[in-house]
Amino acid sequence: MIKISIQPPHNQRPTMNKFLSILLAATVTLVVPVAGLVTATPAFAALPSFDFTELVEKTSPAVVNIRTTEKISVNQDGNADEEMQELFKRFFGIPMPQQGPGGAAPTPRKRVPAKPAPGATEEEVPRGVGSGFIVSQDGYVLTNAHVVDGADEVYVKLTDKREFKAKVIGIDKRTDVAVVKIEGTKLPWLAIGDSDKIKAGEWVIAIGSPFDLDNSVSAGIVSAKSRDTGDFLNLIQTDVAVNPGNSGGPLINMRGEVVGINSQIYSRSGGFMGISFAVPIDEAMRVVDQLRSTGKVSRSRIGIKLSEVPKDVAESFGLSKGQGAFISMVEPGLPADKAGIVAGDIVLEFNGQPVTKWTELSRIVANTKPGTKSAVTLWSKGKTRTVTLVTGEMEQDKPTKTAKEKEAEVESNLLGLNVINLTDDQKRDLKVTAGVIVDNVDGSAARAGLQPGDLITQLNNNDIKDVKQFNALVAKLDPKKVAVVLVRRGDSSQFVPLRPTPAN
């Protein structure tokens, strides 16, 4: 029989802090009858000390601060085209509406200056900060892909204040893992643990640079071992405090081993709300091995689109439970189509691996080496059948272009406009059949007030069909003559004169 006696102050409702103090101080006894006697024995030998000092001292030297920069050109002629800019602002309203085609807010993009004009200077400006950790004495550093993707320069700073310019070895956006390399001596490094062996409730710590505060430590427990994100891997969920700047830092177990890379938080405010996610280190290291050897990650695809198998649908199909992955579409000419798989089939196994949830199949296929002969067990028209196919290779993610690379695109454009084609959805929403969307602006276009998300439908009375035609027309412009573009923003359109600026 267990007796727990808690005695709060008389006629007073305890506060949370007082309640916790009372709870910890409560008398916990185990009553055991022995030969007619009653003996009280403590139920717990001791409470955990929660002292992480030794762990932090051991691991923190290998945790690094990562800052990224981009190089931009700053023109000194700030008064050029003032009249045009003022006219453009007045027409579209002050301040200029932040709208993309159809009134939707465009994806924020930074203005990318082209090759510096006479009198301009090139500046290296901060782009972002994050965290990372060294995994080998020769200077390989792991971090998140979103920390370094698109940066012109990457700098790694150690706790001993040494700072190195890093080389990006490879980036994998699908798992949000990146590898960078620094050249140094006597570099500290962290041991890699086994994320498969962690358990919910296990203590872990995170070390990183939240809000650029170097080597900040937070602690918590593993909330869930395998949180299904629906993408290419499951994530570790914890209640460890993770904030902007922690991205890319290590999640460390009580043995000082890395079990995850802190990557995401769930938040309605932009700050920590008690739920954070980490990439399991086992999955990350599989990606890292490929990035180090080839600079890219190869994954398989078979050309299908998937959805869940609801329980009622499973029963109507003759399945005992809602399992497997329902095939909603098969892409013509790809491995699944060639193997005879059709929409409406349900995948139960792939290469002997059971598919219990539909989201698992994408991961199983992706983790298969391209070109692998694979057996697929299907539930089709009320019975099982097995087909064999050879997996294809998934298209590689394209790294985000750096400011320098974007400059090269804009540089040859006399108007300072980098444009992209309209998607079918944009054409439908805007009720147009042609035109181009402004992706980046510089020079004359920037000074006139054009911005990413604007729609260009004409250039010098020529209807614009696509990017190829627009760039061809721009290339033929006479630098001595003003060009006129018809710009649409939201529901308003305006002719805008632009002065072509030859590349230097």
Protein backbone atom coordinates (compact mmCIF):
# COMPACT_ATOMS: atom_id res chain seq x y z
CA MET A 1 0.00 0.00 0.00
CA ILE A 2 1.41 3.43 -1.00
CA LYS A 3 0.62 6.53 1.04
CA ILE A 4 1.17 10.00 -0.42
CA SER A 5 0.56 12.84 1.97
CA ILE A 6 0.50 16.39 0.61
CA GLN A 7 -0.33 19.23 2.95
CA PRO A 8 -0.85 22.59 1.22
CA PRO A 9 -1.14 25.76 3.31
CA HIS A 10 -4.45 25.96 5.10
CA ASN A 11 -7.28 27.70 3.20
CA GLN A 12 -4.88 28.75 0.45
CA ARG A 13 -4.79 27.53 -3.13
CA PRO A 14 -1.11 26.99 -3.96
CA THR A 15 0.48 28.64 -6.98
CA MET A 16 2.13 26.41 -9.58
CA ASN A 17 5.62 27.00 -8.16
CA LYS A 18 4.39 26.33 -4.62
CA PHE A 19 2.54 23.26 -5.82
CA LEU A 20 5.69 21.86 -7.42
CA SER A 21 7.65 22.56 -4.24
CA ILE A 22 5.00 20.83 -2.17
CA LEU A 23 4.91 17.89 -4.57
CA LEU A 24 8.68 17.39 -4.44
CA ALA A 25 8.62 17.67 -0.66
CA ALA A 26 5.70 15.27 -0.28
CA THR A 27 6.08 12.28 1.99
CA VAL A 28 6.14 9.14 -0.14
CA THR A 29 6.22 5.92 1.85
CA LEU A 30 5.81 2.29 1.06
CA VAL A 31 4.05 0.41 3.88
CA VAL A 32 5.23 -3.20 4.09
CA PRO A 33 3.90 -5.56 6.81
CA VAL A 34 6.83 -7.62 8.21
CA ALA A 35 6.29 -10.08 11.06
CA GLY A 36 3.49 -8.03 12.50
CA LEU A 37 5.39 -4.75 12.20
CA VAL A 38 4.82 -1.84 9.79
CA THR A 39 8.01 -0.54 8.20
CA ALA A 40 8.26 2.62 6.05
CA THR A 41 10.65 2.43 3.07
CA PRO A 42 11.37 5.24 0.57
CA ALA A 43 9.75 4.49 -2.81
CA PHE A 44 12.45 6.44 -4.72
CA ALA A 45 16.13 6.28 -3.86
CA ALA A 46 16.84 9.78 -5.18
CA LEU A 47 15.57 12.37 -7.64
CA PRO A 48 17.70 12.97 -10.76
CA SER A 49 20.15 15.84 -10.38
CA PHE A 50 19.52 17.40 -13.85
CA ASP A 51 23.14 18.55 -13.94
CA PHE A 52 24.25 18.82 -17.55
CA THR A 53 27.47 20.75 -16.93
CA GLU A 54 29.86 17.88 -17.68
CA LEU A 55 27.92 16.96 -20.83
CA VAL A 56 27.96 20.55 -22.09
CA GLU A 57 31.68 20.99 -21.36
CA LYS A 58 32.41 17.82 -23.33
CA THR A 59 30.30 18.59 -26.40
CA SER A 60 30.00 22.37 -26.82
CA PRO A 61 33.50 22.98 -28.32
CA ALA A 62 32.43 21.08 -31.46
CA VAL A 63 29.24 23.15 -31.92
CA VAL A 64 29.73 26.08 -34.28
CA ASN A 65 28.05 29.32 -35.24
CA ILE A 66 27.38 29.67 -38.96
CA ARG A 67 26.85 33.02 -40.59
CA THR A 68 26.18 33.56 -44.27
CA THR A 69 26.57 36.61 -46.47
CA GLU A 70 25.75 37.79 -49.96
CA LYS A 71 27.46 40.35 -52.14
CA ILE A 72 25.40 43.17 -53.57
CA SER A 73 26.21 46.21 -55.67
CA VAL A 74 25.27 49.60 -54.26
CA ASN A 75 24.78 52.29 -56.88
CA GLN A 76 25.76 55.80 -55.91
CA ASP A 77 23.42 57.46 -58.41
CA GLY A 78 20.41 57.26 -56.12
CA ASN A 79 18.55 60.15 -57.80
CA ALA A 80 18.40 58.60 -61.27
CA ASP A 81 14.92 58.15 -62.72
CA GLU A 82 13.31 59.88 -59.71
CA GLU A 83 10.50 61.27 -61.84
CA MET A 84 9.60 57.85 -63.21
CA GLN A 85 9.70 56.26 -59.78
CA GLU A 86 7.41 58.94 -58.36
CA LEU A 87 4.97 58.57 -61.26
CA PHE A 88 4.90 54.78 -60.86
CA LYS A 89 4.29 55.04 -57.13
CA ARG A 90 1.47 57.51 -57.61
CA PHE A 91 -0.27 55.32 -60.14
CA PHE A 92 -0.09 52.13 -58.07
CA GLY A 93 -0.53 53.90 -54.75
CA ILE A 94 1.79 54.87 -51.88
CA PRO A 95 3.13 52.68 -50.44
CA MET A 96 3.27 50.37 -53.46
CA PRO A 97 1.01 47.37 -52.79
CA GLN A 98 2.87 44.17 -51.96
CA GLN A 99 0.82 42.07 -54.36
CA GLY A 100 1.67 39.46 -56.87
CA PRO A 101 -0.38 38.33 -59.82
CA GLY A 102 -4.05 38.00 -58.96
CA GLY A 103 -3.62 39.98 -55.75
CA ALA A 104 -1.70 37.21 -53.94
CA ALA A 105 1.31 38.16 -51.86
CA PRO A 106 4.44 37.12 -53.77
CA THR A 107 7.18 35.01 -52.25
CA PRO A 108 9.60 37.54 -50.71
CA ARG A 109 12.70 37.97 -52.81
CA LYS A 110 15.63 40.25 -52.32
CA ARG A 111 16.48 42.64 -55.09
CA VAL A 112 19.54 41.41 -56.90
CA PRO A 113 21.77 44.15 -58.28
CA ALA A 114 23.59 43.40 -61.50
CA LYS A 115 27.17 44.21 -62.39
CA PRO A 116 28.16 47.43 -60.58
CA ALA A 117 27.52 50.55 -62.60
CA PRO A 118 30.14 53.31 -62.73
CA GLY A 119 30.49 54.79 -59.28
CA ALA A 120 28.95 51.74 -57.60
CA THR A 121 30.52 49.69 -54.84
CA GLU A 122 30.18 46.01 -53.99
CA GLU A 123 29.32 45.19 -50.41
CA GLU A 124 29.22 41.91 -48.52
CA VAL A 125 26.10 42.02 -46.38
CA PRO A 126 24.75 39.62 -43.72
CA ARG A 127 22.25 37.10 -45.00
CA GLY A 128 21.49 34.88 -42.00
CA VAL A 129 22.83 32.96 -39.02
CA GLY A 130 22.50 29.36 -37.91
CA SER A 131 24.28 26.56 -36.14
CA GLY A 132 26.22 23.43 -37.00
CA PHE A 133 28.59 20.86 -35.54
CA ILE A 134 31.92 19.32 -36.53
CA VAL A 135 31.88 15.57 -37.15
CA SER A 136 35.50 14.92 -38.10
CA GLN A 137 38.94 16.25 -37.19
CA ASP A 138 39.55 17.23 -40.81
CA GLY A 139 36.76 19.81 -40.65
CA TYR A 140 33.51 18.41 -42.01
CA VAL A 141 30.56 20.31 -40.54
CA LEU A 142 26.87 19.34 -40.62
CA THR A 143 24.05 21.85 -40.65
CA ASN A 144 20.63 22.42 -42.24
CA ALA A 145 20.31 22.98 -45.96
CA HIS A 146 18.21 26.10 -45.38
CA VAL A 147 21.04 27.68 -43.36
CA VAL A 148 23.55 27.79 -46.24
CA ASP A 149 21.44 27.38 -49.39
CA GLY A 150 21.76 30.41 -51.67
CA ALA A 151 24.58 32.08 -49.70
CA ASP A 152 27.54 33.68 -51.50
CA GLU A 153 29.87 33.07 -48.54
CA VAL A 154 29.66 30.82 -45.47
CA TYR A 155 31.66 31.48 -42.28
CA VAL A 156 32.08 29.02 -39.39
CA LYS A 157 33.06 30.27 -35.93
CA LEU A 158 34.23 28.01 -33.11
CA THR A 159 33.86 28.57 -29.39
CA ASP A 160 37.59 29.40 -29.20
CA LYS A 161 36.82 32.40 -31.46
CA ARG A 162 38.54 30.95 -34.52
CA GLU A 163 36.59 31.71 -37.69
CA PHE A 164 36.93 29.96 -41.05
CA LYS A 165 35.53 30.55 -44.50
CA ALA A 166 33.72 27.33 -45.38
CA LYS A 167 33.16 25.49 -48.64
CA VAL A 168 29.71 24.04 -49.26
CA ILE A 169 30.22 20.36 -50.14
CA GLY A 170 26.59 19.49 -50.78
CA ILE A 171 22.98 20.36 -49.98
CA ASP A 172 19.92 18.13 -49.83
CA LYS A 173 16.74 20.17 -49.54
CA ARG A 174 14.47 17.14 -49.20
CA THR A 175 15.97 16.20 -45.83
CA ASP A 176 17.22 19.72 -44.98
CA VAL A 177 20.79 18.47 -44.54
CA ALA A 178 23.97 20.17 -45.72
CA VAL A 179 27.70 19.49 -45.43
CA VAL A 180 30.32 22.25 -45.36
CA LYS A 181 34.09 21.95 -45.00
CA ILE A 182 36.59 24.10 -43.11
CA GLU A 183 40.38 23.85 -43.08
CA GLY A 184 41.79 23.85 -39.56
CA THR A 185 43.90 21.93 -37.07
CA LYS A 186 43.08 20.35 -33.70
CA LEU A 187 39.38 20.63 -34.41
CA PRO A 188 36.96 19.21 -31.83
CA TRP A 189 34.29 16.86 -33.13
CA LEU A 190 31.15 15.10 -31.94
CA ALA A 191 30.43 11.37 -31.87
CA ILE A 192 27.48 10.12 -33.90
CA GLY A 193 24.84 8.19 -31.96
CA ASP A 194 22.01 5.87 -33.00
CA SER A 195 18.69 7.66 -33.43
CA ASP A 196 16.87 4.35 -33.78
CA LYS A 197 17.64 3.58 -30.14
CA ILE A 198 16.25 6.76 -28.59
CA LYS A 199 13.03 6.51 -26.61
CA ALA A 200 10.19 8.88 -25.84
CA GLY A 201 10.87 10.46 -22.45
CA GLU A 202 14.64 10.31 -22.86
CA TRP A 203 16.58 13.45 -21.88
CA VAL A 204 18.34 15.36 -24.65
CA ILE A 205 19.99 18.76 -25.02
CA ALA A 206 20.33 21.20 -27.89
CA ILE A 207 23.30 23.52 -28.37
CA GLY A 208 23.29 26.31 -30.93
CA SER A 209 23.06 30.01 -31.62
CA PRO A 210 19.45 31.14 -31.15
CA PHE A 211 19.13 34.77 -32.19
CA ASP A 212 22.92 34.66 -32.80
CA LEU A 213 23.65 33.93 -29.12
CA ASP A 214 26.62 31.56 -29.41
CA ASN A 215 26.67 28.24 -27.56
CA SER A 216 23.28 28.54 -25.93
CA VAL A 217 22.15 25.31 -24.25
CA SER A 218 18.59 24.06 -23.76
CA ALA A 219 17.33 20.75 -22.44
CA GLY A 220 14.19 18.64 -22.64
CA ILE A 221 12.90 15.21 -23.48
CA VAL A 222 12.08 13.29 -26.62
CA SER A 223 8.35 13.77 -27.12
CA ALA A 224 7.93 11.37 -30.03
CA LYS A 225 10.51 9.23 -31.78
CA SER A 226 9.07 9.07 -35.27
CA ARG A 227 6.79 11.97 -36.16
CA ASP A 228 5.35 11.45 -39.62
CA THR A 229 5.83 14.56 -41.76
CA GLY A 230 4.62 13.06 -45.02
CA ASP A 231 7.92 13.85 -46.73
CA PHE A 232 11.06 11.77 -47.14
CA LEU A 233 11.76 11.08 -43.48
CA ASN A 234 10.20 10.98 -40.05
CA LEU A 235 11.38 13.57 -37.53
CA ILE A 236 12.25 13.40 -33.85
CA GLN A 237 9.87 15.58 -31.82
CA THR A 238 11.17 17.12 -28.58
CA ASP A 239 10.19 19.85 -26.13
CA VAL A 240 13.71 21.28 -26.19
CA ALA A 241 13.66 25.06 -26.68
CA VAL A 242 14.67 25.75 -30.30
CA ASN A 243 14.51 29.23 -31.83
CA PRO A 244 15.69 30.99 -34.99
CA GLY A 245 19.46 30.48 -35.14
CA ASN A 246 19.31 26.99 -33.59
CA SER A 247 18.80 25.49 -37.04
CA GLY A 248 21.54 23.04 -37.91
CA GLY A 249 22.72 22.52 -34.33
CA PRO A 250 22.99 19.08 -32.72
CA LEU A 251 20.45 17.25 -30.60
CA ILE A 252 22.59 15.35 -28.09
CA ASN A 253 21.78 12.41 -25.81
CA MET A 254 23.09 11.93 -22.28
CA ARG A 255 26.11 10.00 -23.60
CA GLY A 256 27.30 13.01 -25.57
CA GLU A 257 26.30 11.55 -28.93
CA VAL A 258 24.45 13.37 -31.69
CA VAL A 259 21.05 11.80 -32.33
CA GLY A 260 19.54 14.54 -34.50
CA ILE A 261 19.97 17.85 -36.30
CA ASN A 262 17.61 20.54 -35.00
CA SER A 263 15.63 21.67 -37.99
CA GLN A 264 12.09 22.95 -37.39
CA ILE A 265 9.67 24.23 -34.79
CA TYR A 266 5.90 24.29 -34.63
CA SER A 267 4.87 27.86 -33.95
CA ARG A 268 1.98 30.24 -34.42
CA SER A 269 4.05 33.21 -33.31
CA GLY A 270 7.42 32.57 -34.97
CA GLY A 271 8.99 31.66 -31.62
CA PHE A 272 9.29 28.46 -29.61
CA MET A 273 5.99 26.99 -28.40
CA GLY A 274 7.15 23.73 -26.83
CA ILE A 275 7.38 21.61 -29.98
CA SER A 276 10.58 21.24 -32.00
CA PHE A 277 11.75 18.74 -34.58
CA ALA A 278 15.10 17.23 -35.46
CA VAL A 279 16.32 15.21 -38.44
CA PRO A 280 17.27 11.73 -37.14
CA ILE A 281 21.04 11.39 -37.36
CA ASP A 282 20.79 7.92 -38.94
CA GLU A 283 18.87 9.39 -41.88
CA ALA A 284 21.14 12.43 -41.99
CA MET A 285 24.33 10.35 -42.17
CA ARG A 286 23.01 8.37 -45.14
CA VAL A 287 22.58 11.69 -46.90
CA VAL A 288 25.95 12.99 -45.68
CA ASP A 289 27.80 9.96 -47.07
CA GLN A 290 26.41 10.66 -50.54
CA LEU A 291 27.03 14.40 -50.33
CA ARG A 292 30.66 13.85 -49.30
CA SER A 293 31.31 11.33 -52.07
CA THR A 294 29.34 12.82 -54.99
CA GLY A 295 27.99 16.20 -53.85
CA LYS A 296 24.40 15.05 -54.45
CA VAL A 297 21.84 12.51 -53.23
CA SER A 298 20.41 9.90 -55.61
CA ARG A 299 16.87 8.66 -54.98
CA SER A 300 14.53 6.38 -56.85
CA ARG A 301 11.10 7.07 -58.26
CA ILE A 302 8.57 4.88 -60.02
CA GLY A 303 6.10 7.49 -61.30
CA ILE A 304 3.00 7.28 -59.12
CA LYS A 305 0.91 9.62 -56.99
CA LEU A 306 -0.34 8.29 -53.67
CA SER A 307 -3.08 8.84 -51.12
CA GLU A 308 -4.39 7.23 -47.95
CA VAL A 309 -6.55 4.12 -47.91
CA PRO A 310 -9.54 4.97 -45.66
CA LYS A 311 -10.89 2.13 -43.56
CA ASP A 312 -14.32 2.13 -45.25
CA VAL A 313 -12.70 2.05 -48.68
CA ALA A 314 -10.40 -0.78 -47.59
CA GLU A 315 -13.41 -2.80 -46.45
CA SER A 316 -15.21 -2.23 -49.74
CA PHE A 317 -12.09 -3.46 -51.56
CA GLY A 318 -11.98 -6.60 -49.44
CA LEU A 319 -9.05 -5.58 -47.23
CA SER A 320 -9.24 -6.27 -43.51
CA LYS A 321 -7.93 -2.84 -42.55
CA GLY A 322 -6.88 0.51 -43.97
CA GLN A 323 -3.33 -0.35 -44.96
CA GLY A 324 -1.06 0.25 -47.89
CA ALA A 325 -0.83 3.16 -50.32
CA PHE A 326 -3.63 3.95 -52.75
CA ILE A 327 -2.37 4.83 -56.25
CA SER A 328 -4.34 7.82 -57.52
CA MET A 329 -2.31 8.37 -60.70
CA VAL A 330 0.33 6.61 -62.78
CA GLU A 331 2.66 8.68 -64.97
CA PRO A 332 2.86 7.34 -68.52
CA GLY A 333 6.15 5.81 -69.62
CA LEU A 334 7.68 5.53 -66.14
CA PRO A 335 8.53 2.30 -64.23
CA ALA A 336 5.13 1.76 -62.58
CA ASP A 337 3.31 2.21 -65.89
CA LYS A 338 5.70 -0.14 -67.70
CA ALA A 339 5.14 -2.77 -64.98
CA GLY A 340 1.36 -2.68 -65.48
CA ILE A 341 0.45 -0.82 -62.29
CA VAL A 342 -2.75 1.23 -62.72
CA ALA A 343 -4.64 3.88 -60.80
CA GLY A 344 -6.81 2.23 -58.14
CA ASP A 345 -4.22 -0.38 -57.18
CA ILE A 346 -3.08 -0.46 -53.56
CA VAL A 347 0.59 -1.11 -52.78
CA LEU A 348 0.97 -3.53 -49.86
CA GLU A 349 4.71 -4.28 -50.08
CA PHE A 350 7.75 -2.91 -51.87
CA ASN A 351 10.80 -5.17 -52.07
CA GLY A 352 9.51 -7.20 -49.14
CA GLN A 353 8.92 -4.17 -46.91
CA PRO A 354 5.30 -3.90 -45.70
CA VAL A 355 3.56 -0.58 -46.40
CA THR A 356 1.44 0.02 -43.30
CA LYS A 357 0.91 3.75 -43.96
CA TRP A 358 0.74 5.36 -47.36
CA THR A 359 3.42 7.94 -46.51
CA GLU A 360 5.94 5.14 -45.95
CA LEU A 361 6.01 4.11 -49.60
CA SER A 362 7.57 7.35 -50.84
CA ARG A 363 10.42 6.92 -48.34
CA ILE A 364 10.93 3.26 -49.13
CA VAL A 365 11.11 3.95 -52.86
CA ALA A 366 13.30 7.04 -52.44
CA ASN A 367 15.79 5.12 -50.29
CA THR A 368 16.14 2.45 -52.97
CA LYS A 369 19.15 2.82 -55.26
CA PRO A 370 18.10 3.96 -58.75
CA GLY A 371 18.14 1.10 -61.25
CA THR A 372 17.18 -1.51 -58.65
CA LYS A 373 14.97 -4.41 -59.78
CA SER A 374 12.10 -4.33 -57.29
CA ALA A 375 9.08 -6.50 -56.52
CA VAL A 376 5.82 -4.68 -55.78
CA THR A 377 2.91 -6.49 -54.12
CA LEU A 378 -0.46 -4.97 -54.99
CA TRP A 379 -4.09 -5.38 -53.99
CA SER A 380 -5.87 -5.17 -57.32
CA LYS A 381 -9.53 -5.90 -58.05
CA GLY A 382 -10.03 -7.91 -54.88
CA LYS A 383 -6.88 -10.01 -54.98
CA THR A 384 -3.11 -9.70 -54.59
CA ARG A 385 -0.67 -9.67 -57.47
CA THR A 386 3.06 -9.02 -57.67
CA VAL A 387 4.84 -7.13 -60.42
CA THR A 388 8.51 -6.40 -61.01
CA LEU A 389 9.94 -3.07 -62.08
CA VAL A 390 13.26 -1.27 -62.31
CA THR A 391 13.30 2.00 -60.37
CA GLY A 392 14.11 5.27 -62.11
CA GLU A 393 16.06 8.20 -60.70
CA MET A 394 14.37 11.16 -59.07
CA GLU A 395 15.18 14.57 -60.49
CA GLN A 396 17.78 16.42 -58.47
CA ASP A 397 16.85 19.48 -56.42
CA LYS A 398 18.25 22.65 -57.86
CA PRO A 399 20.24 24.68 -55.29
CA THR A 400 18.95 28.19 -54.69
CA LYS A 401 20.94 30.58 -56.80
CA THR A 402 23.33 32.86 -54.99
CA ALA A 403 23.22 36.61 -55.41
CA LYS A 404 26.26 36.33 -57.70
CA GLU A 405 24.52 33.77 -59.89
CA LYS A 406 21.38 35.88 -60.05
CA GLU A 407 23.51 38.89 -60.95
CA ALA A 408 24.85 36.98 -63.94
CA GLU A 409 21.29 36.35 -65.11
CA VAL A 410 20.24 39.98 -64.77
CA GLU A 411 23.51 41.46 -65.99
CA SER A 412 22.92 41.02 -69.72
CA ASN A 413 19.40 42.44 -69.49
CA LEU A 414 19.42 46.09 -70.57
CA LEU A 415 16.32 46.82 -68.50
CA GLY A 416 17.52 45.13 -65.30
CA LEU A 417 14.66 42.62 -65.43
CA ASN A 418 14.85 38.90 -64.72
CA VAL A 419 11.53 37.28 -65.61
CA ILE A 420 9.92 33.83 -65.42
CA ASN A 421 7.10 32.18 -67.34
CA LEU A 422 3.53 32.07 -66.07
CA THR A 423 2.28 28.77 -64.71
CA ASP A 424 -1.02 27.34 -65.91
CA ASP A 425 -2.58 28.19 -62.55
CA GLN A 426 -1.41 31.81 -62.81
CA LYS A 427 -2.79 32.12 -66.32
CA ARG A 428 -6.14 30.83 -65.10
CA ASP A 429 -6.21 33.09 -62.03
CA LEU A 430 -5.17 36.17 -64.00
CA LYS A 431 -7.36 35.28 -66.98
CA VAL A 432 -4.49 35.75 -69.42
CA THR A 433 -2.87 33.46 -71.96
CA ALA A 434 0.60 35.02 -72.07
CA GLY A 435 3.03 37.37 -70.35
CA VAL A 436 5.96 37.03 -67.95
CA ILE A 437 6.37 37.50 -64.19
CA VAL A 438 9.13 39.72 -62.76
CA ASP A 439 11.42 37.56 -60.63
CA ASN A 440 14.21 40.05 -59.82
CA VAL A 441 14.82 43.71 -60.62
CA ASP A 442 17.83 46.01 -60.94
CA GLY A 443 18.96 49.20 -62.60
CA SER A 444 16.35 51.10 -64.56
CA ALA A 445 13.51 48.74 -63.64
CA ALA A 446 14.29 48.96 -59.92
CA ARG A 447 14.57 52.74 -59.99
CA ALA A 448 11.24 52.95 -61.81
CA GLY A 449 9.58 50.97 -59.02
CA LEU A 450 9.02 47.57 -60.62
CA GLN A 451 9.12 44.69 -58.15
CA PRO A 452 9.00 40.89 -58.05
CA GLY A 453 5.52 39.61 -58.81
CA ASP A 454 4.65 42.27 -61.41
CA LEU A 455 3.19 40.96 -64.68
CA ILE A 456 4.64 42.28 -67.97
CA THR A 457 2.35 41.88 -70.97
CA GLN A 458 3.94 44.20 -73.56
CA LEU A 459 7.32 45.62 -74.55
CA ASN A 460 7.30 48.45 -77.09
CA ASN A 461 3.80 47.44 -78.28
CA ASN A 462 4.88 43.80 -78.73
CA ASP A 463 2.67 41.33 -76.89
CA ILE A 464 4.85 39.19 -74.62
CA LYS A 465 4.38 35.44 -74.99
CA ASP A 466 7.14 33.96 -72.84
CA VAL A 467 10.60 34.49 -71.33
CA LYS A 468 12.49 33.49 -74.47
CA GLN A 469 10.68 36.05 -76.63
CA PHE A 470 10.93 38.79 -73.98
CA ASN A 471 14.69 38.37 -73.56
CA ALA A 472 15.15 38.33 -77.34
CA LEU A 473 13.28 41.64 -77.65
CA VAL A 474 15.28 43.20 -74.79
CA ALA A 475 18.56 42.14 -76.40
CA LYS A 476 17.63 44.09 -79.56
CA LEU A 477 16.79 47.35 -77.75
CA ASP A 478 18.60 50.52 -78.74
CA PRO A 479 20.40 51.77 -75.60
CA LYS A 480 19.80 55.35 -76.77
CA LYS A 481 16.02 55.00 -76.84
CA VAL A 482 13.53 54.61 -74.00
CA ALA A 483 11.69 51.29 -73.91
CA VAL A 484 8.09 51.08 -72.73
CA VAL A 485 6.68 48.06 -70.87
CA LEU A 486 3.07 47.43 -69.92
CA VAL A 487 3.04 46.36 -66.27
CA ARG A 488 0.14 44.85 -64.38
CA ARG A 489 0.01 44.74 -60.59
CA GLY A 490 -3.12 43.37 -58.99
CA ASP A 491 -6.02 44.70 -61.09
CA SER A 492 -4.17 47.79 -62.40
CA SER A 493 -1.98 48.18 -65.48
CA GLN A 494 0.38 50.99 -66.46
CA PHE A 495 2.81 51.78 -69.27
CA VAL A 496 6.27 52.36 -67.78
CA PRO A 497 9.16 53.90 -69.73
CA LEU A 498 12.59 52.42 -68.92
CA ARG A 499 16.03 53.63 -69.96
CA PRO A 500 18.13 50.69 -71.20
CA THR A 501 21.48 50.47 -69.40
CA PRO A 502 24.24 48.66 -71.32
CA ALA A 503 26.29 46.10 -69.38
CA ASN A 504 29.79 47.24 -68.47
